[in-house]
C-alpha atoms as a PDB file:
ATOM      1  CA  MET A   1     175.311 -86.762 184.570  1.00  0.00           C
ATOM      2  CA  PHE A   2     174.568 -83.750 183.141  1.00  0.00           C
ATOM      3  CA  LYS A   3     170.662 -83.543 184.448  1.00  0.00           C
ATOM      4  CA  LEU A   4     171.670 -84.255 188.114  1.00  0.00           C
ATOM      5  CA  LYS A   5     174.190 -81.133 188.029  1.00  0.00           C
ATOM      6  CA  GLN A   6     171.305 -78.942 186.291  1.00  0.00           C
ATOM      7  CA  ASN A   7     169.281 -80.360 189.071  1.00  0.00           C
ATOM      8  CA  PHE A   8     171.646 -79.735 191.883  1.00  0.00           C
ATOM      9  CA  LEU A   9     172.292 -76.109 190.153  1.00  0.00           C
ATOM     10  CA  LEU A  10     168.552 -75.228 190.648  1.00  0.00           C
ATOM     11  CA  ILE A  11     168.082 -76.639 194.090  1.00  0.00           C
ATOM     12  CA  PHE A  12     171.097 -74.643 195.296  1.00  0.00           C
ATOM     13  CA  THR A  13     169.983 -71.602 193.559  1.00  0.00           C
ATOM     14  CA  ALA A  14     166.638 -71.850 195.140  1.00  0.00           C
ATOM     15  CA  PHE A  15     168.107 -72.313 198.519  1.00  0.00           C
ATOM     16  CA  THR A  16     170.116 -69.571 198.268  1.00  0.00           C
ATOM     17  CA  ILE A  17     167.244 -67.138 197.367  1.00  0.00           C
ATOM     18  CA  ALA A  18     165.363 -68.318 200.045  1.00  0.00           C
ATOM     19  CA  VAL A  19     168.495 -68.039 202.733  1.00  0.00           C
ATOM     20  CA  GLY A  20     168.195 -64.228 201.130  1.00  0.00           C
ATOM     21  CA  ILE A  21     164.610 -63.390 201.339  1.00  0.00           C
ATOM     22  CA  ALA A  22     164.691 -64.870 205.170  1.00  0.00           C
ATOM     23  CA  ALA A  23     167.761 -62.919 205.780  1.00  0.00           C
ATOM     24  CA  CYS A  24     165.882 -59.556 204.410  1.00  0.00           C
ATOM     25  CA  ASP A  25     162.469 -60.832 206.259  1.00  0.00           C
ATOM     26  CA  SER A  26     164.840 -61.153 209.391  1.00  0.00           C
ATOM     27  CA  ASP A  27     166.459 -57.550 209.078  1.00  0.00           C
ATOM     28  CA  LYS A  28     162.852 -56.215 208.590  1.00  0.00           C
ATOM     29  CA  ASN A  29     161.930 -57.674 211.860  1.00  0.00           C
ATOM     30  CA  GLU A  30     164.655 -56.170 213.797  1.00  0.00           C
ATOM     31  CA  PRO A  31     163.440 -54.099 216.471  1.00  0.00           C
ATOM     32  CA  GLN A  32     165.270 -50.779 214.897  1.00  0.00           C
ATOM     33  CA  ASN A  33     163.456 -51.515 211.301  1.00  0.00           C
ATOM     34  CA  THR A  34     159.823 -51.480 212.417  1.00  0.00           C
ATOM     35  CA  PRO A  35     157.775 -48.649 211.605  1.00  0.00           C
ATOM     36  CA  GLU A  36     157.127 -47.478 214.921  1.00  0.00           C
ATOM     37  CA  ASN A  37     160.589 -47.742 215.877  1.00  0.00           C
ATOM     38  CA  LYS A  38     161.947 -45.884 213.024  1.00  0.00           C
ATOM     39  CA  ALA A  39     159.493 -43.013 213.145  1.00  0.00           C
ATOM     40  CA  ALA A  40     160.305 -42.849 217.030  1.00  0.00           C
ATOM     41  CA  PHE A  41     163.999 -42.593 216.015  1.00  0.00           C
ATOM     42  CA  GLU A  42     163.265 -39.918 213.480  1.00  0.00           C
ATOM     43  CA  LYS A  43     161.564 -37.915 216.357  1.00  0.00           C
ATOM     44  CA  ALA A  44     164.092 -38.226 218.583  1.00  0.00           C
ATOM     45  CA  ILE A  45     166.694 -36.993 216.086  1.00  0.00           C
ATOM     46  CA  LYS A  46     164.438 -34.136 215.024  1.00  0.00           C
ATOM     47  CA  LYS A  47     164.505 -32.921 218.702  1.00  0.00           C
ATOM     48  CA  ILE A  48     168.221 -33.569 219.236  1.00  0.00           C
ATOM     49  CA  SER A  49     169.058 -31.780 216.345  1.00  0.00           C
ATOM     50  CA  GLU A  50     166.534 -28.717 216.648  1.00  0.00           C
ATOM     51  CA  GLY A  51     166.623 -28.315 220.688  1.00  0.00           C
ATOM     52  CA  PHE A  52     163.880 -29.140 222.696  1.00  0.00           C
ATOM     53  CA  THR A  53     160.936 -26.826 222.433  1.00  0.00           C
ATOM     54  CA  LYS A  54     159.612 -27.947 225.721  1.00  0.00           C
ATOM     55  CA  ASP A  55     160.826 -26.807 228.926  1.00  0.00           C
ATOM     56  CA  ASN A  56     164.166 -27.685 228.981  1.00  0.00           C
ATOM     57  CA  SER A  57     165.008 -27.258 232.780  1.00  0.00           C
ATOM     58  CA  TRP A  58     165.320 -31.044 233.319  1.00  0.00           C
ATOM     59  CA  ILE A  59     168.969 -30.791 230.996  1.00  0.00           C
ATOM     60  CA  SER A  60     170.114 -28.144 233.679  1.00  0.00           C
ATOM     61  CA  ILE A  61     169.005 -30.734 236.277  1.00  0.00           C
ATOM     62  CA  ALA A  62     170.732 -33.737 234.777  1.00  0.00           C
ATOM     63  CA  GLN A  63     174.025 -31.392 234.355  1.00  0.00           C
ATOM     64  CA  SER A  64     173.902 -30.207 237.859  1.00  0.00           C
ATOM     65  CA  PRO A  65     175.704 -32.695 240.524  1.00  0.00           C
ATOM     66  CA  TYR A  66     174.301 -30.417 243.173  1.00  0.00           C
ATOM     67  CA  ILE A  67     170.676 -28.402 243.347  1.00  0.00           C
ATOM     68  CA  LEU A  68     170.074 -26.434 246.692  1.00  0.00           C
ATOM     69  CA  THR A  69     167.546 -24.367 248.240  1.00  0.00           C
ATOM     70  CA  GLY A  70     168.403 -21.039 250.121  1.00  0.00           C
ATOM     71  CA  THR A  71     169.156 -17.438 249.756  1.00  0.00           C
ATOM     72  CA  LEU A  72     172.211 -15.829 247.665  1.00  0.00           C
ATOM     73  CA  GLN A  73     174.189 -12.966 249.180  1.00  0.00           C
ATOM     74  CA  VAL A  74     175.651 -11.016 246.457  1.00  0.00           C
ATOM     75  CA  ASP A  75     177.566  -7.754 246.373  1.00  0.00           C
ATOM     76  CA  THR A  76     175.931  -6.120 243.539  1.00  0.00           C
ATOM     77  CA  ASN A  77     178.023  -2.980 244.101  1.00  0.00           C
ATOM     78  CA  GLU A  78     181.204  -5.319 243.702  1.00  0.00           C
ATOM     79  CA  ILE A  79     179.630  -6.602 240.369  1.00  0.00           C
ATOM     80  CA  LYS A  80     178.931  -3.225 238.984  1.00  0.00           C
ATOM     81  CA  LYS A  81     182.585  -2.061 239.682  1.00  0.00           C
ATOM     82  CA  ILE A  82     183.911  -4.917 238.098  1.00  0.00           C
ATOM     83  CA  LYS A  83     181.667  -3.829 234.633  1.00  0.00           C
ATOM     84  CA  LYS A  84     182.729  -0.771 234.631  1.00  0.00           C
ATOM     85  CA  GLU A  85     186.690  -1.848 234.728  1.00  0.00           C
ATOM     86  CA  LYS A  86     187.718  -5.499 233.715  1.00  0.00           C
ATOM     87  CA  GLY A  87     186.063  -8.667 234.000  1.00  0.00           C
ATOM     88  CA  ASP A  88     186.778 -10.925 237.022  1.00  0.00           C
ATOM     89  CA  TYR A  89     185.756 -13.589 239.611  1.00  0.00           C
ATOM     90  CA  ILE A  90     183.682 -12.608 242.466  1.00  0.00           C
ATOM     91  CA  GLU A  91     182.700 -14.573 245.467  1.00  0.00           C
ATOM     92  CA  ILE A  92     178.952 -15.280 246.300  1.00  0.00           C
ATOM     93  CA  ASN A  93     177.828 -16.371 249.653  1.00  0.00           C
ATOM     94  CA  PHE A  94     174.839 -18.903 249.937  1.00  0.00           C
ATOM     95  CA  THR A  95     173.100 -20.023 252.861  1.00  0.00           C
ATOM     96  CA  VAL A  96     171.800 -23.721 252.227  1.00  0.00           C
ATOM     97  CA  ASP A  97     168.140 -24.639 253.412  1.00  0.00           C
ATOM     98  CA  THR A  98     167.586 -27.721 251.747  1.00  0.00           C
ATOM     99  CA  ILE A  99     169.869 -30.015 249.767  1.00  0.00           C
ATOM    100  CA  LEU A 100     167.612 -31.645 246.563  1.00  0.00           C
ATOM    101  CA  LYS A 101     170.470 -33.272 244.919  1.00  0.00           C
ATOM    102  CA  GLY A 102     174.341 -34.206 245.770  1.00  0.00           C
ATOM    103  CA  ASP A 103     176.073 -33.673 248.951  1.00  0.00           C
ATOM    104  CA  VAL A 104     177.282 -30.331 250.567  1.00  0.00           C
ATOM    105  CA  PRO A 105     179.218 -30.464 253.788  1.00  0.00           C
ATOM    106  CA  SER A 106     178.206 -27.177 254.821  1.00  0.00           C
ATOM    107  CA  LYS A 107     175.468 -24.562 255.338  1.00  0.00           C
ATOM    108  CA  GLU A 108     177.499 -21.858 254.198  1.00  0.00           C
ATOM    109  CA  ILE A 109     179.068 -22.115 251.096  1.00  0.00           C
ATOM    110  CA  ILE A 110     180.705 -19.781 248.469  1.00  0.00           C
ATOM    111  CA  ILE A 111     179.920 -19.655 244.845  1.00  0.00           C
ATOM    112  CA  ASN A 112     182.792 -18.152 242.255  1.00  0.00           C
ATOM    113  CA  LYS A 113     181.213 -16.362 239.212  1.00  0.00           C
ATOM    114  CA  TYR A 114     182.991 -14.911 236.796  1.00  0.00           C
ATOM    115  CA  ILE A 115     181.760 -10.874 236.037  1.00  0.00           C
ATOM    116  CA  CYS A 116     181.986  -9.835 232.334  1.00  0.00           C
ATOM    117  CA  ARG A 117     183.193  -6.073 231.448  1.00  0.00           C
ATOM    118  CA  GLN A 118     180.089  -3.912 230.673  1.00  0.00           C
ATOM    119  CA  LYS A 119     180.966  -4.164 226.981  1.00  0.00           C
ATOM    120  CA  ASP A 120     180.751  -7.734 226.693  1.00  0.00           C
ATOM    121  CA  LYS A 121     177.572  -8.970 224.866  1.00  0.00           C
ATOM    122  CA  ALA A 122     177.999 -12.828 225.000  1.00  0.00           C
ATOM    123  CA  PRO A 123     175.140 -14.783 226.353  1.00  0.00           C
ATOM    124  CA  TYR A 124     177.078 -16.349 229.716  1.00  0.00           C
ATOM    125  CA  CYS A 125     177.560 -12.422 230.636  1.00  0.00           C
ATOM    126  CA  ASN A 126     173.694 -11.981 231.231  1.00  0.00           C
ATOM    127  CA  ASP A 127     174.252 -11.550 235.264  1.00  0.00           C
ATOM    128  CA  SER A 128     170.676 -10.088 235.820  1.00  0.00           C
ATOM    129  CA  ASN A 129     169.505 -12.994 237.748  1.00  0.00           C
ATOM    130  CA  LEU A 130     172.423 -12.130 240.682  1.00  0.00           C
ATOM    131  CA  PHE A 131     170.287  -9.140 241.038  1.00  0.00           C
ATOM    132  CA  LEU A 132     166.933 -10.163 240.553  1.00  0.00           C
ATOM    133  CA  PHE A 133     167.383 -13.280 243.137  1.00  0.00           C
ATOM    134  CA  ASN A 134     170.133 -11.330 245.751  1.00  0.00           C
ATOM    135  CA  SER A 135     168.543 -11.914 249.475  1.00  0.00           C
ATOM    136  CA  LYS A 136     165.809 -14.135 248.221  1.00  0.00           C
ATOM    137  CA  LYS A 137     164.769 -17.656 248.634  1.00  0.00           C
ATOM    138  CA  SER A 138     165.762 -19.503 245.395  1.00  0.00           C
ATOM    139  CA  VAL A 139     166.571 -22.851 243.949  1.00  0.00           C
ATOM    140  CA  ILE A 140     170.583 -22.847 242.482  1.00  0.00           C
ATOM    141  CA  PHE A 141     172.189 -25.471 240.415  1.00  0.00           C
ATOM    142  CA  LEU A 142     175.664 -26.006 240.992  1.00  0.00           C
ATOM    143  CA  THR A 143     178.997 -27.832 240.084  1.00  0.00           C
ATOM    144  CA  LEU A 144     182.617 -28.558 241.263  1.00  0.00           C
ATOM    145  CA  GLY A 145     185.458 -26.550 239.035  1.00  0.00           C
ATOM    146  CA  PRO A 146     188.485 -28.407 238.285  1.00  0.00           C
ATOM    147  CA  SER A 147     190.350 -27.426 241.011  1.00  0.00           C
ATOM    148  CA  GLY A 148     187.538 -27.205 243.411  1.00  0.00           C
ATOM    149  CA  GLY A 149     185.054 -24.741 244.340  1.00  0.00           C
ATOM    150  CA  TYR A 150     181.353 -24.342 243.298  1.00  0.00           C
ATOM    151  CA  TYR A 151     180.343 -22.740 240.012  1.00  0.00           C
ATOM    152  CA  PHE A 152     177.114 -22.388 238.275  1.00  0.00           C
ATOM    153  CA  PRO A 153     177.260 -25.226 235.328  1.00  0.00           C
ATOM    154  CA  ASN A 154     175.316 -23.004 232.835  1.00  0.00           C
ATOM    155  CA  ARG A 155     173.894 -19.540 231.872  1.00  0.00           C
ATOM    156  CA  LEU A 156     172.351 -18.069 234.833  1.00  0.00           C
ATOM    157  CA  PRO A 157     168.711 -17.898 233.646  1.00  0.00           C
ATOM    158  CA  ASN A 158     169.017 -22.187 233.738  1.00  0.00           C
ATOM    159  CA  SER A 159     171.072 -22.027 236.944  1.00  0.00           C
ATOM    160  CA  ILE A 160     168.933 -20.068 239.618  1.00  0.00           C
ATOM    161  CA  PHE A 161     165.165 -20.452 239.781  1.00  0.00           C
ATOM    162  CA  PRO A 162     162.352 -19.192 242.311  1.00  0.00           C
ATOM    163  CA  GLU A 163     161.679 -21.003 245.088  1.00  0.00           C
ATOM    164  CA  ALA A 164     158.176 -21.590 243.916  1.00  0.00           C
ATOM    165  CA  ASP A 165     159.970 -24.075 241.272  1.00  0.00           C
ATOM    166  CA  LYS A 166     161.051 -26.319 244.073  1.00  0.00           C
ATOM    167  CA  VAL A 167     158.212 -28.926 243.764  1.00  0.00           C
ATOM    168  CA  LYS A 168     158.505 -28.978 239.970  1.00  0.00           C
ATOM    169  CA  ILE A 169     162.461 -29.550 240.204  1.00  0.00           C
ATOM    170  CA  LYS A 170     162.003 -32.137 243.060  1.00  0.00           C
ATOM    171  CA  GLU A 171     159.550 -34.300 240.666  1.00  0.00           C
ATOM    172  CA  GLU A 172     162.118 -34.280 237.689  1.00  0.00           C
ATOM    173  CA  ILE A 173     165.132 -35.242 240.199  1.00  0.00           C
ATOM    174  CA  ALA A 174     163.068 -38.187 241.344  1.00  0.00           C
ATOM    175  CA  LYS A 175     162.159 -39.195 237.651  1.00  0.00           C
ATOM    176  CA  GLN A 176     165.905 -38.823 236.947  1.00  0.00           C
ATOM    177  CA  ASN A 177     166.781 -41.054 239.546  1.00  0.00           C
ATOM    178  CA  GLU A 178     164.175 -43.578 238.478  1.00  0.00           C
ATOM    179  CA  ILE A 179     165.371 -43.483 235.152  1.00  0.00           C
ATOM    180  CA  ILE A 180     168.947 -44.549 236.235  1.00  0.00           C
ATOM    181  CA  ALA A 181     168.065 -46.735 238.813  1.00  0.00           C
ATOM    182  CA  ASN A 182     165.507 -48.841 236.999  1.00  0.00           C
ATOM    183  CA  LYS A 183     167.430 -48.711 233.628  1.00  0.00           C
ATOM    184  CA  THR A 184     164.319 -47.159 231.724  1.00  0.00           C
ATOM    185  CA  PHE A 185     166.630 -45.748 229.406  1.00  0.00           C
ATOM    186  CA  ALA A 186     167.796 -49.498 228.383  1.00  0.00           C
ATOM    187  CA  LYS A 187     164.700 -50.439 226.537  1.00  0.00           C
ATOM    188  CA  ILE A 188     165.388 -47.983 224.060  1.00  0.00           C
ATOM    189  CA  CYS A 189     168.692 -49.105 222.564  1.00  0.00           C
ATOM    190  CA  PRO A 190     167.694 -52.141 220.688  1.00  0.00           C
ATOM    191  CA  THR A 191     165.307 -49.799 218.606  1.00  0.00           C
ATOM    192  CA  VAL A 192     167.965 -47.279 217.600  1.00  0.00           C
ATOM    193  CA  GLN A 193     169.541 -46.992 214.073  1.00  0.00           C
ATOM    194  CA  HIS A 194     173.609 -47.100 213.458  1.00  0.00           C
ATOM    195  CA  SER A 195     174.337 -49.179 216.721  1.00  0.00           C
ATOM    196  CA  SER A 196     176.648 -51.579 214.870  1.00  0.00           C
ATOM    197  CA  GLU A 197     178.733 -48.627 212.996  1.00  0.00           C
ATOM    198  CA  VAL A 198     179.205 -47.169 216.176  1.00  0.00           C
ATOM    199  CA  LYS A 199     180.095 -50.330 217.718  1.00  0.00           C
ATOM    200  CA  SER A 200     182.699 -50.908 214.874  1.00  0.00           C
ATOM    201  CA  LEU A 201     184.064 -47.380 214.963  1.00  0.00           C
ATOM    202  CA  ILE A 202     184.657 -47.913 218.951  1.00  0.00           C
ATOM    203  CA  GLU A 203     186.483 -51.113 218.106  1.00  0.00           C
ATOM    204  CA  ASP A 204     188.776 -49.278 215.942  1.00  0.00           C
ATOM    205  CA  MET A 205     189.551 -46.814 218.953  1.00  0.00           C
ATOM    206  CA  LEU A 206     191.250 -49.161 220.256  1.00  0.00           C
ATOM    207  CA  ILE A 207     193.257 -49.718 217.550  1.00  0.00           C
ATOM    208  CA  ALA A 208     196.311 -47.249 216.885  1.00  0.00           C
ATOM    209  CA  SER A 209     196.356 -47.399 213.422  1.00  0.00           C
ATOM    210  CA  LYS A 210     192.555 -46.452 212.913  1.00  0.00           C
ATOM    211  CA  ALA A 211     191.706 -44.674 215.846  1.00  0.00           C
ATOM    212  CA  LYS A 212     192.080 -41.098 214.438  1.00  0.00           C
ATOM    213  CA  ASP A 213     189.794 -41.740 211.894  1.00  0.00           C
ATOM    214  CA  ALA A 214     187.230 -43.355 213.723  1.00  0.00           C
ATOM    215  CA  TYR A 215     187.006 -40.180 215.624  1.00  0.00           C
ATOM    216  CA  VAL A 216     186.332 -38.233 212.510  1.00  0.00           C
ATOM    217  CA  LYS A 217     184.111 -40.477 211.313  1.00  0.00           C
ATOM    218  CA  LEU A 218     181.742 -40.904 214.429  1.00  0.00           C
ATOM    219  CA  GLU A 219     181.719 -37.151 214.319  1.00  0.00           C
ATOM    220  CA  LYS A 220     180.354 -37.119 210.381  1.00  0.00           C
ATOM    221  CA  LEU A 221     177.773 -39.676 211.722  1.00  0.00           C
ATOM    222  CA  GLY A 222     176.236 -36.535 213.355  1.00  0.00           C
ATOM    223  CA  PHE A 223     173.139 -36.401 215.178  1.00  0.00           C
ATOM    224  CA  GLN A 224     171.822 -39.609 214.054  1.00  0.00           C
ATOM    225  CA  ALA A 225     174.560 -41.469 215.726  1.00  0.00           C
ATOM    226  CA  VAL A 226     174.161 -39.809 218.868  1.00  0.00           C
ATOM    227  CA  PRO A 227     171.616 -42.483 220.492  1.00  0.00           C
ATOM    228  CA  ALA A 228     173.854 -45.175 219.186  1.00  0.00           C
ATOM    229  CA  THR A 229     176.884 -43.572 220.847  1.00  0.00           C
ATOM    230  CA  ILE A 230     174.808 -42.975 224.166  1.00  0.00           C
ATOM    231  CA  CYS A 231     173.617 -46.635 224.822  1.00  0.00           C
ATOM    232  CA  LEU A 232     177.548 -47.663 224.125  1.00  0.00           C
ATOM    233  CA  MET A 233     179.408 -45.146 225.638  1.00  0.00           C
ATOM    234  CA  ASP A 234     179.643 -46.908 229.374  1.00  0.00           C
ATOM    235  CA  ASP A 235     183.081 -48.478 228.123  1.00  0.00           C
ATOM    236  CA  ARG A 236     186.431 -47.835 230.462  1.00  0.00           C
ATOM    237  CA  ARG A 237     188.738 -49.895 227.686  1.00  0.00           C
ATOM    238  CA  GLU A 238     191.785 -47.664 227.213  1.00  0.00           C
ATOM    239  CA  LEU A 239     192.336 -46.004 223.898  1.00  0.00           C
ATOM    240  CA  ALA A 240     194.808 -46.192 221.473  1.00  0.00           C
ATOM    241  CA  VAL A 241     195.574 -42.481 220.537  1.00  0.00           C
ATOM    242  CA  LYS A 242     194.797 -40.227 223.714  1.00  0.00           C
ATOM    243  CA  GLY A 243     194.515 -37.181 221.953  1.00  0.00           C
ATOM    244  CA  ILE A 244     190.993 -35.468 219.860  1.00  0.00           C
ATOM    245  CA  SER A 245     190.962 -31.999 217.993  1.00  0.00           C
ATOM    246  CA  LEU A 246     187.833 -30.677 217.315  1.00  0.00           C
ATOM    247  CA  GLU A 247     186.209 -27.551 215.526  1.00  0.00           C
ATOM    248  CA  ASN A 248     185.322 -24.891 217.710  1.00  0.00           C
ATOM    249  CA  LYS A 249     181.987 -23.980 216.532  1.00  0.00           C
ATOM    250  CA  SER A 250     181.314 -20.821 218.767  1.00  0.00           C
ATOM    251  CA  PRO A 251     181.267 -17.544 217.374  1.00  0.00           C
ATOM    252  CA  GLN A 252     183.038 -16.428 221.114  1.00  0.00           C
ATOM    253  CA  ALA A 253     185.689 -19.250 220.242  1.00  0.00           C
ATOM    254  CA  TRP A 254     189.371 -17.839 220.892  1.00  0.00           C
ATOM    255  CA  GLU A 255     190.736 -20.535 218.827  1.00  0.00           C
ATOM    256  CA  ALA A 256     189.792 -22.555 215.731  1.00  0.00           C
ATOM    257  CA  MET A 257     190.434 -25.968 217.188  1.00  0.00           C
ATOM    258  CA  ARG A 258     190.066 -27.669 220.579  1.00  0.00           C
ATOM    259  CA  HIS A 259     192.579 -30.102 221.810  1.00  0.00           C
ATOM    260  CA  TYR A 260     191.756 -32.695 224.497  1.00  0.00           C
ATOM    261  CA  GLY A 261     193.409 -35.872 225.957  1.00  0.00           C
ATOM    262  CA  PRO A 262     190.666 -38.446 226.760  1.00  0.00           C
ATOM    263  CA  GLU A 263     192.007 -41.733 228.399  1.00  0.00           C
ATOM    264  CA  VAL A 264     189.328 -44.288 227.775  1.00  0.00           C
ATOM    265  CA  VAL A 265     186.609 -44.615 225.361  1.00  0.00           C
ATOM    266  CA  VAL A 266     183.904 -42.935 227.513  1.00  0.00           C
ATOM    267  CA  ASP A 267     185.911 -39.664 227.327  1.00  0.00           C
ATOM    268  CA  VAL A 268     186.285 -39.305 224.136  1.00  0.00           C
ATOM    269  CA  LEU A 269     182.866 -40.319 223.347  1.00  0.00           C
ATOM    270  CA  GLU A 270     181.645 -37.532 225.451  1.00  0.00           C
ATOM    271  CA  ALA A 271     183.787 -35.390 223.649  1.00  0.00           C
ATOM    272  CA  ILE A 272     182.277 -36.283 220.269  1.00  0.00           C
ATOM    273  CA  LEU A 273     178.830 -36.142 221.576  1.00  0.00           C
ATOM    274  CA  ASN A 274     179.257 -32.690 223.154  1.00  0.00           C
ATOM    275  CA  GLN A 275     181.038 -31.620 219.725  1.00  0.00           C
ATOM    276  CA  ILE A 276     177.606 -32.762 217.814  1.00  0.00           C
ATOM    277  CA  THR A 277     174.999 -31.544 220.222  1.00  0.00           C
ATOM    278  CA  GLY A 278     176.668 -28.686 222.002  1.00  0.00           C
ATOM    279  CA  LYS A 279     175.400 -30.303 225.234  1.00  0.00           C
ATOM    280  CA  SER A 280     177.655 -31.914 227.852  1.00  0.00           C
ATOM    281  CA  PHE A 281     177.092 -33.687 231.327  1.00  0.00           C
ATOM    282  CA  GLY A 282     180.385 -33.765 232.798  1.00  0.00           C
ATOM    283  CA  PHE A 283     183.985 -32.499 231.584  1.00  0.00           C
ATOM    284  CA  ILE A 284     185.928 -36.003 230.874  1.00  0.00           C
ATOM    285  CA  HIS A 285     187.261 -34.728 227.793  1.00  0.00           C
ATOM    286  CA  ASN A 286     191.192 -35.357 229.643  1.00  0.00           C
ATOM    287  CA  GLY A 287     190.267 -38.377 231.513  1.00  0.00           C
ATOM    288  CA  GLY A 288     188.406 -37.939 234.904  1.00  0.00           C
ATOM    289  CA  THR A 289     187.594 -40.145 237.986  1.00  0.00           C
ATOM    290  CA  GLU A 290     185.175 -43.342 237.591  1.00  0.00           C
ATOM    291  CA  GLU A 291     182.595 -41.197 239.900  1.00  0.00           C
ATOM    292  CA  GLU A 292     182.940 -38.232 237.140  1.00  0.00           C
ATOM    293  CA  ARG A 293     182.539 -40.917 234.484  1.00  0.00           C
ATOM    294  CA  THR A 294     179.783 -42.349 236.012  1.00  0.00           C
ATOM    295  CA  SER A 295     178.033 -39.101 236.543  1.00  0.00           C
ATOM    296  CA  THR A 296     178.583 -38.330 232.805  1.00  0.00           C
ATOM    297  CA  VAL A 297     177.186 -41.278 231.419  1.00  0.00           C
ATOM    298  CA  ASN A 298     174.116 -41.073 233.563  1.00  0.00           C
ATOM    299  CA  GLY A 299     173.772 -37.601 232.421  1.00  0.00           C
ATOM    300  CA  TRP A 300     173.838 -38.698 228.687  1.00  0.00           C
ATOM    301  CA  ARG A 301     171.337 -41.854 229.489  1.00  0.00           C
ATOM    302  CA  ILE A 302     168.668 -39.196 230.969  1.00  0.00           C
ATOM    303  CA  PHE A 303     169.642 -37.258 227.846  1.00  0.00           C
ATOM    304  CA  LEU A 304     168.545 -40.030 225.842  1.00  0.00           C
ATOM    305  CA  TRP A 305     165.303 -41.042 227.702  1.00  0.00           C
ATOM    306  CA  HIS A 306     163.982 -37.879 227.258  1.00  0.00           C
ATOM    307  CA  SER A 307     164.537 -37.595 223.484  1.00  0.00           C
ATOM    308  CA  PHE A 308     162.634 -40.592 223.185  1.00  0.00           C
ATOM    309  CA  ASN A 309     159.670 -39.640 225.779  1.00  0.00           C
ATOM    310  CA  ASP A 310     158.938 -36.146 225.746  1.00  0.00           C
END
């Protein structure tokens, strides 16, 4: 009897070890754990964390719902007057020649632009391109404001380009359309790290007692979690806690914390991705339309593709 028990114990121990070894081998064979994919992942994280050193115009293209060619008509005297007195908005007329992206119903549109005071030196106060491209053919990137009206989505050097750049911009728009239409971004997702962690945190966001901690934990994962978050972000389930507070990292910030009211999972993931990377592809932090959410997700998917392919 003793010998039978001893033999059984030896067989059971050997089986357990074998299963353990097989599990380890299986983990090694997972797509995200191959040496090639690990190296590609670390290279992508380096680009995301340090910023892309090559031409970054693709980011502005992905961020902009409207890209047009035409002519700006700027009242430069009004700009000079505002700079001497106080900051204020001006209206800039733009005559549309061609539409490269989006749908603009009129040949004549008005763009709203805030003009800073002369003494304000923040990067977004650089208005030199309004003078440089006044009355000249150009390519402009636009977005819609929260209450309607057209605005430049980025600092002016990344929103107004010479007409000579039109061909290059059209090529990038076509590439981005292909990335989304053919779902070429999706091939990256099985190879990225931290997918299980991010997935678990998203599930916690649906539980009232765990949601706030999940927001904090995902932000703390930092750049390493960005690819997995993008892969999993197209999630329209309702959040258990519809509020998030994020530290303002900008030196020009007016207050220490930013407070948002996201409604569904994709809203809060956009807010956290923005917090980690400093990039944004749609302001849905306080909720949004389904069209706005789809546009935001597509922007991040383009970001993911470029992170692994540039």
